[in-house]
Amino acid sequence: MLYVIHIATIHIIVSKFNSMSIFQKIVDWNNERGLLEQGFDYTKEVSFIVEELLESTGKFDSVTARNEATRFATEMVGKASVDEEKVVDAFADIIVFASGAIAKLGYDPTKVMDEVYTEINSRSGELREGKFVKDPQAILYTADLKSCRYSEEE
């Protein structure tokens, strides 16, 4: 009987997880790794976005991209006062533009986000200077982005 309860409990947990939005999964991932406790640092958040964009060009390794992004974000943000609602609007706009760009490339943004979440969730590592740094020895899931392409019928 205990075995049946255990399977039922697992089923409830899996069902709850599967019904969570991708955004809630990402927030939970950040919370589990202590990233939300770090608080909001506008320069650091901007640098994370710039770092990913620099890496996507293929011209920068992760360390160089991080350094360049930090320099750029520091220069860009400076000592600007933060209007919280403008920042929220800007980050939401980034999500909208990124989703559109993903679709223009022929991929389903929802499927892409699920794959990318599965990849980042497989990472182990530690928090360094407010950023989650991957353990280079860890065995990771690699997002299967080919499976996220729109089919000809869509």
Protein backbone atom coordinates (compact mmCIF):
# COMPACT_ATOMS: atom_id res chain seq x y z
CA MET A 1 0.00 0.00 0.00
CA LEU A 2 2.87 2.37 0.77
CA TYR A 3 4.14 1.80 -2.76
CA VAL A 4 0.82 2.97 -4.25
CA ILE A 5 0.83 6.11 -2.10
CA HIS A 6 4.39 6.87 -3.17
CA ILE A 7 3.51 6.55 -6.86
CA ALA A 8 0.40 8.68 -6.33
CA THR A 9 2.49 11.34 -4.58
CA ILE A 10 5.00 11.36 -7.41
CA HIS A 11 2.16 11.60 -9.94
CA ILE A 12 0.71 14.64 -8.11
CA ILE A 13 4.11 16.34 -7.97
CA VAL A 14 4.80 15.66 -11.66
CA SER A 15 1.29 16.81 -12.65
CA LYS A 16 1.70 20.03 -10.67
CA PHE A 17 5.12 20.65 -12.22
CA ASN A 18 3.83 19.97 -15.74
CA SER A 19 0.92 22.38 -15.26
CA MET A 20 3.21 25.20 -14.10
CA SER A 21 3.92 27.89 -16.68
CA ILE A 22 7.44 28.08 -18.05
CA PHE A 23 7.79 31.42 -16.28
CA GLN A 24 6.90 29.90 -12.90
CA LYS A 25 9.40 27.09 -13.50
CA ILE A 26 12.10 29.68 -14.24
CA VAL A 27 11.24 31.73 -11.14
CA ASP A 28 11.35 28.57 -9.02
CA TRP A 29 14.72 27.63 -10.57
CA ASN A 30 16.09 31.08 -9.65
CA ASN A 31 14.68 30.79 -6.13
CA GLU A 32 16.09 27.28 -5.56
CA ARG A 33 19.57 28.53 -6.45
CA GLY A 34 19.39 31.60 -4.22
CA LEU A 35 19.37 34.02 -7.14
CA LEU A 36 16.23 35.87 -6.03
CA GLU A 37 17.78 36.51 -2.61
CA GLN A 38 20.50 38.53 -4.35
CA GLY A 39 18.01 41.28 -5.05
CA PHE A 40 17.76 43.37 -8.20
CA ASP A 41 20.91 44.98 -9.56
CA TYR A 42 20.04 46.76 -12.81
CA THR A 43 23.60 46.78 -14.15
CA LYS A 44 24.06 43.08 -13.42
CA GLU A 45 20.73 42.13 -15.03
CA VAL A 46 21.56 44.14 -18.17
CA SER A 47 24.99 42.52 -18.29
CA PHE A 48 23.44 39.02 -18.24
CA ILE A 49 21.32 39.86 -21.31
CA VAL A 50 24.24 41.46 -23.16
CA GLU A 51 26.48 38.49 -22.29
CA GLU A 52 24.06 36.05 -23.93
CA LEU A 53 23.82 38.23 -27.03
CA LEU A 54 27.61 38.50 -27.31
CA GLU A 55 28.01 34.72 -26.95
CA SER A 56 25.42 34.15 -29.70
CA THR A 57 27.66 35.95 -32.23
CA GLY A 58 30.30 33.25 -31.93
CA LYS A 59 32.96 35.95 -31.56
CA PHE A 60 33.26 35.72 -27.78
CA ASP A 61 33.95 32.88 -25.39
CA SER A 62 31.92 32.95 -22.17
CA VAL A 63 34.61 34.68 -20.07
CA THR A 64 35.28 37.41 -22.65
CA ALA A 65 31.55 37.88 -23.23
CA ARG A 66 30.97 38.22 -19.46
CA ASN A 67 33.75 40.81 -19.13
CA GLU A 68 32.60 42.81 -22.16
CA ALA A 69 28.97 42.64 -21.05
CA THR A 70 29.86 43.88 -17.57
CA ARG A 71 31.86 46.77 -19.03
CA PHE A 72 29.10 47.67 -21.46
CA ALA A 73 26.29 47.43 -18.89
CA THR A 74 28.24 49.53 -16.39
CA GLU A 75 28.82 52.17 -19.04
CA MET A 76 25.22 52.03 -20.29
CA VAL A 77 23.43 52.07 -16.93
CA GLY A 78 25.90 54.25 -15.05
CA LYS A 79 24.25 55.89 -12.09
CA ALA A 80 20.80 56.01 -13.68
CA SER A 81 17.87 56.06 -11.31
CA VAL A 82 15.70 53.04 -11.90
CA ASP A 83 12.01 53.50 -12.70
CA GLU A 84 10.83 50.01 -11.75
CA GLU A 85 7.86 49.96 -14.13
CA LYS A 86 10.00 51.10 -17.09
CA VAL A 87 12.49 48.35 -16.33
CA VAL A 88 9.74 45.71 -16.07
CA ASP A 89 8.27 46.96 -19.36
CA ALA A 90 11.69 46.83 -21.04
CA PHE A 91 12.40 43.27 -19.86
CA ALA A 92 8.91 42.16 -20.95
CA ASP A 93 9.55 43.78 -24.35
CA ILE A 94 12.79 41.79 -24.60
CA ILE A 95 10.79 38.58 -24.06
CA VAL A 96 8.31 39.65 -26.78
CA PHE A 97 11.07 40.52 -29.27
CA ALA A 98 13.03 37.35 -28.48
CA SER A 99 9.92 35.19 -28.93
CA GLY A 100 9.27 36.82 -32.30
CA ALA A 101 12.88 36.35 -33.37
CA ILE A 102 12.76 32.67 -32.39
CA ALA A 103 9.57 32.22 -34.45
CA LYS A 104 11.12 34.07 -37.42
CA LEU A 105 13.94 31.53 -37.32
CA GLY A 106 11.33 28.76 -37.64
CA TYR A 107 11.14 27.58 -34.05
CA ASP A 108 8.23 27.30 -31.63
CA PRO A 109 9.14 29.69 -28.78
CA THR A 110 7.19 27.67 -26.18
CA LYS A 111 8.97 24.43 -27.10
CA VAL A 112 12.32 26.26 -27.18
CA MET A 113 11.74 27.64 -23.67
CA ASP A 114 10.81 24.19 -22.37
CA GLU A 115 14.00 22.70 -23.87
CA VAL A 116 16.20 25.53 -22.58
CA TYR A 117 14.62 25.25 -19.13
CA THR A 118 15.31 21.50 -19.09
CA GLU A 119 18.94 22.26 -19.98
CA ILE A 120 19.47 24.95 -17.33
CA ASN A 121 17.66 22.82 -14.75
CA SER A 122 20.12 19.98 -15.36
CA ARG A 123 23.03 22.23 -14.38
CA SER A 124 24.79 22.03 -11.09
CA GLY A 125 27.12 24.69 -9.85
CA GLU A 126 27.44 27.49 -7.37
CA LEU A 127 26.56 31.13 -6.87
CA ARG A 128 29.49 33.47 -7.57
CA GLU A 129 29.10 37.23 -7.41
CA GLY A 130 25.35 36.93 -7.85
CA LYS A 131 25.52 34.65 -10.90
CA PHE A 132 24.94 30.91 -11.06
CA VAL A 133 28.18 29.41 -12.44
CA LYS A 134 27.97 25.95 -14.01
CA ASP A 135 30.07 23.10 -12.70
CA PRO A 136 32.32 22.32 -15.70
CA GLN A 137 32.50 18.63 -14.67
CA ALA A 138 28.73 18.13 -14.57
CA ILE A 139 26.95 15.95 -17.09
CA LEU A 140 24.31 18.16 -18.65
CA TYR A 141 21.21 17.76 -20.72
CA THR A 142 21.62 19.63 -24.01
CA ALA A 143 18.52 21.32 -25.35
CA ASP A 144 17.20 19.54 -28.43
CA LEU A 145 16.34 22.66 -30.40
CA LYS A 146 15.83 20.72 -33.64
CA SER A 147 12.74 19.20 -32.03
CA CYS A 148 11.39 22.73 -31.55
CA ARG A 149 11.22 23.64 -35.23
CA TYR A 150 7.80 24.37 -36.65
CA SER A 151 6.60 21.61 -38.93
CA GLU A 152 5.55 22.43 -42.49
CA GLU A 153 1.87 22.07 -41.46
CA GLU A 154 2.00 24.73 -38.72
